[in-house]
Amino acid sequence: MQIRAPIDLGLIVRDRRRKLGLSQSQLARNAGVGRQWLVALEQGKAGAELGMVLRTLSALRLALSAGDADPPAGPVSPIDIDAVVDAARRDKP
């Protein structure tokens, strides 16, 4: 599964925790994190500390890997930032 947003990671963590039959308190204790922090992670809170995320994944016996992402669905057009700035300046009173 590709992780594209914090909620994706949260759902993976929650699903694995449940499959292992762990409560949030048990996983939090095993990973050395607080239960409230784990609740926030499972709910997709952005900005979770990477070290704590890695400890949690390790406690769940999950690995984190990186690779090339799928390309965008369609062609991406370049943005003329000068035109955007000029338009914004014209719209100001």
Protein backbone atom coordinates (compact mmCIF):
# COMPACT_ATOMS: atom_id res chain seq x y z
CA MET A 1 0.00 0.00 0.00
CA GLN A 2 1.24 3.46 -0.83
CA ILE A 3 1.17 6.10 1.85
CA ARG A 4 0.14 9.41 0.35
CA ALA A 5 -1.29 11.12 3.43
CA PRO A 6 -1.01 10.82 7.21
CA ILE A 7 -4.38 9.06 7.40
CA ASP A 8 -3.01 6.27 5.19
CA LEU A 9 -0.29 5.55 7.75
CA GLY A 10 -2.78 5.77 10.58
CA LEU A 11 -5.06 3.21 8.96
CA ILE A 12 -2.15 0.83 8.39
CA VAL A 13 -1.08 1.11 12.03
CA ARG A 14 -4.62 0.59 13.32
CA ASP A 15 -5.27 -2.36 11.02
CA ARG A 16 -2.02 -4.11 11.98
CA ARG A 17 -2.58 -3.44 15.70
CA ARG A 18 -6.02 -5.01 15.50
CA LYS A 19 -4.75 -8.01 13.50
CA LEU A 20 -2.15 -8.61 16.22
CA GLY A 21 -4.88 -8.38 18.87
CA LEU A 22 -3.25 -5.44 20.65
CA SER A 23 -5.06 -2.67 22.45
CA GLN A 24 -3.88 0.89 21.94
CA SER A 25 -2.46 0.83 25.47
CA GLN A 26 -0.51 -2.35 24.81
CA LEU A 27 0.95 -1.08 21.55
CA ALA A 28 1.79 2.28 23.07
CA ARG A 29 3.64 0.54 25.92
CA ASN A 30 5.48 -1.79 23.51
CA ALA A 31 6.52 1.13 21.28
CA GLY A 32 7.42 3.48 24.13
CA VAL A 33 4.86 6.11 23.13
CA GLY A 34 1.81 7.54 24.84
CA ARG A 35 -1.64 6.15 24.14
CA GLN A 36 -2.98 9.59 23.20
CA TRP A 37 -0.13 10.01 20.72
CA LEU A 38 -1.03 6.62 19.21
CA VAL A 39 -4.69 7.63 18.99
CA ALA A 40 -3.67 10.76 17.08
CA LEU A 41 -1.42 8.73 14.75
CA GLU A 42 -4.22 6.29 13.97
CA GLN A 43 -6.52 9.24 13.24
CA GLY A 44 -4.04 10.60 10.69
CA LYS A 45 -2.64 13.55 12.63
CA ALA A 46 0.00 15.26 10.53
CA GLY A 47 3.32 16.12 12.12
CA ALA A 48 3.88 12.93 14.12
CA GLU A 49 7.51 12.65 15.23
CA LEU A 50 9.36 10.32 12.86
CA GLY A 51 11.29 8.52 15.60
CA MET A 52 8.08 7.65 17.39
CA VAL A 53 6.47 6.51 14.14
CA LEU A 54 9.44 4.23 13.45
CA ARG A 55 9.30 2.76 16.97
CA THR A 56 5.60 2.09 16.52
CA LEU A 57 6.13 0.41 13.16
CA SER A 58 8.91 -1.70 14.68
CA ALA A 59 6.62 -2.77 17.54
CA LEU A 60 4.11 -3.87 14.90
CA ARG A 61 6.84 -5.70 12.94
CA LEU A 62 6.24 -3.43 9.95
CA ALA A 63 8.97 -2.06 7.70
CA LEU A 64 9.03 1.36 6.09
CA SER A 65 10.45 1.55 2.59
CA ALA A 66 10.66 4.17 -0.12
CA GLY A 67 10.51 3.85 -3.86
CA ASP A 68 9.37 5.66 -6.94
CA ALA A 69 5.80 6.90 -6.69
CA ASP A 70 3.31 6.44 -9.47
CA PRO A 71 3.47 9.29 -11.97
CA PRO A 72 0.63 11.82 -12.02
CA ALA A 73 -2.52 10.68 -13.82
CA GLY A 74 -2.18 13.24 -16.60
CA PRO A 75 0.36 15.64 -17.99
CA VAL A 76 1.42 18.37 -15.63
CA SER A 77 1.47 21.83 -17.17
CA PRO A 78 4.13 24.28 -16.05
CA ILE A 79 2.90 27.25 -14.05
CA ASP A 80 3.86 30.77 -15.11
CA ILE A 81 4.50 32.22 -11.67
CA ASP A 82 5.05 35.72 -13.12
CA ALA A 83 1.55 35.66 -14.59
CA VAL A 84 0.10 34.52 -11.26
CA VAL A 85 1.89 37.34 -9.39
CA ASP A 86 0.85 39.93 -11.99
CA ALA A 87 -2.78 38.81 -11.77
CA ALA A 88 -2.69 39.01 -7.98
CA ARG A 89 -1.28 42.51 -8.13
CA ARG A 90 -4.01 43.62 -10.54
CA ASP A 91 -6.69 42.28 -8.20
CA LYS A 92 -5.48 44.34 -5.23
CA PRO A 93 -7.38 47.59 -4.59
